[in-house]
Amino acid sequence: MKKEYDLSKMKKRRNPYASRLKKQVTIRMGTDIIAYFKSLAEESGIPYQNLINLYLRDCVENHRKLSLKWAS
């Protein structure tokens, strides 16, 4: 094994699985929701979009359902 390798000659290659991992969407959210996740992001050091993704993933994995009750 060499002590050093010359990586400048390597060809760049995109991750072939990247498109399967996440899909970009446009969604409208309240400014208060974004501000909340941005404040959490500052505390934790995790980007706020990743925090939103983690929260939604937790909802999916735990089969959380929103309980809505409309006033009569």
Protein backbone atom coordinates (compact mmCIF):
# COMPACT_ATOMS: atom_id res chain seq x y z
CA MET A 1 0.00 0.00 0.00
CA LYS A 2 1.30 3.45 -0.93
CA LYS A 3 1.80 6.19 1.66
CA GLU A 4 0.11 8.72 -0.61
CA TYR A 5 -2.24 8.42 -3.56
CA ASP A 6 -2.74 10.97 -6.36
CA LEU A 7 -6.52 11.47 -6.37
CA SER A 8 -6.39 14.32 -8.91
CA LYS A 9 -6.45 11.79 -11.76
CA MET A 10 -9.64 10.10 -10.59
CA LYS A 11 -12.74 10.53 -12.70
CA LYS A 12 -15.72 12.13 -10.98
CA ARG A 13 -18.80 9.99 -10.79
CA ARG A 14 -22.26 10.79 -9.50
CA ASN A 15 -23.87 8.58 -6.91
CA PRO A 16 -26.17 6.26 -8.93
CA TYR A 17 -28.46 5.81 -5.92
CA ALA A 18 -28.85 9.50 -5.05
CA SER A 19 -32.12 9.90 -6.96
CA ARG A 20 -33.64 6.97 -5.05
CA LEU A 21 -32.74 8.36 -1.63
CA LYS A 22 -34.61 11.67 -1.67
CA LYS A 23 -36.96 13.54 -3.94
CA GLN A 24 -37.10 17.31 -4.15
CA VAL A 25 -40.55 18.82 -3.58
CA THR A 26 -41.97 22.28 -3.13
CA ILE A 27 -44.17 22.75 -0.09
CA ARG A 28 -45.68 25.82 1.51
CA MET A 29 -45.15 26.03 5.27
CA GLY A 30 -45.96 28.67 7.82
CA THR A 31 -43.14 31.05 8.69
CA ASP A 32 -43.54 30.09 12.34
CA ILE A 33 -42.90 26.44 11.50
CA ILE A 34 -39.76 27.27 9.54
CA ALA A 35 -38.57 29.59 12.33
CA TYR A 36 -39.10 26.79 14.87
CA PHE A 37 -37.03 24.28 12.90
CA LYS A 38 -34.35 26.89 12.17
CA SER A 39 -34.00 27.56 15.90
CA LEU A 40 -33.69 23.82 16.53
CA ALA A 41 -31.08 23.69 13.77
CA GLU A 42 -28.98 26.35 15.51
CA GLU A 43 -29.13 24.43 18.79
CA SER A 44 -28.32 21.03 17.31
CA GLY A 45 -26.03 21.96 14.42
CA ILE A 46 -28.19 19.95 11.99
CA PRO A 47 -29.59 21.78 8.92
CA TYR A 48 -33.26 22.65 9.39
CA GLN A 49 -34.38 20.78 6.25
CA ASN A 50 -32.77 17.62 7.62
CA LEU A 51 -34.59 18.15 10.92
CA ILE A 52 -37.92 18.44 9.13
CA ASN A 53 -37.10 15.26 7.19
CA LEU A 54 -36.15 13.43 10.40
CA TYR A 55 -39.38 14.54 12.10
CA LEU A 56 -41.53 13.40 9.18
CA ARG A 57 -39.62 10.09 8.99
CA ASP A 58 -40.33 9.54 12.70
CA CYS A 59 -44.04 10.15 12.03
CA VAL A 60 -44.01 7.58 9.22
CA GLU A 61 -42.11 4.95 11.19
CA ASN A 62 -44.40 5.30 14.22
CA HIS A 63 -47.60 5.52 12.13
CA ARG A 64 -48.56 8.83 13.73
CA LYS A 65 -51.85 10.24 12.53
CA LEU A 66 -53.13 13.74 12.98
CA SER A 67 -56.34 14.01 14.98
CA LEU A 68 -58.54 16.75 13.52
CA LYS A 69 -61.81 17.81 15.09
CA TRP A 70 -63.82 20.52 13.37
CA ALA A 71 -66.08 22.82 15.36
CA SER A 72 -69.78 22.21 14.78
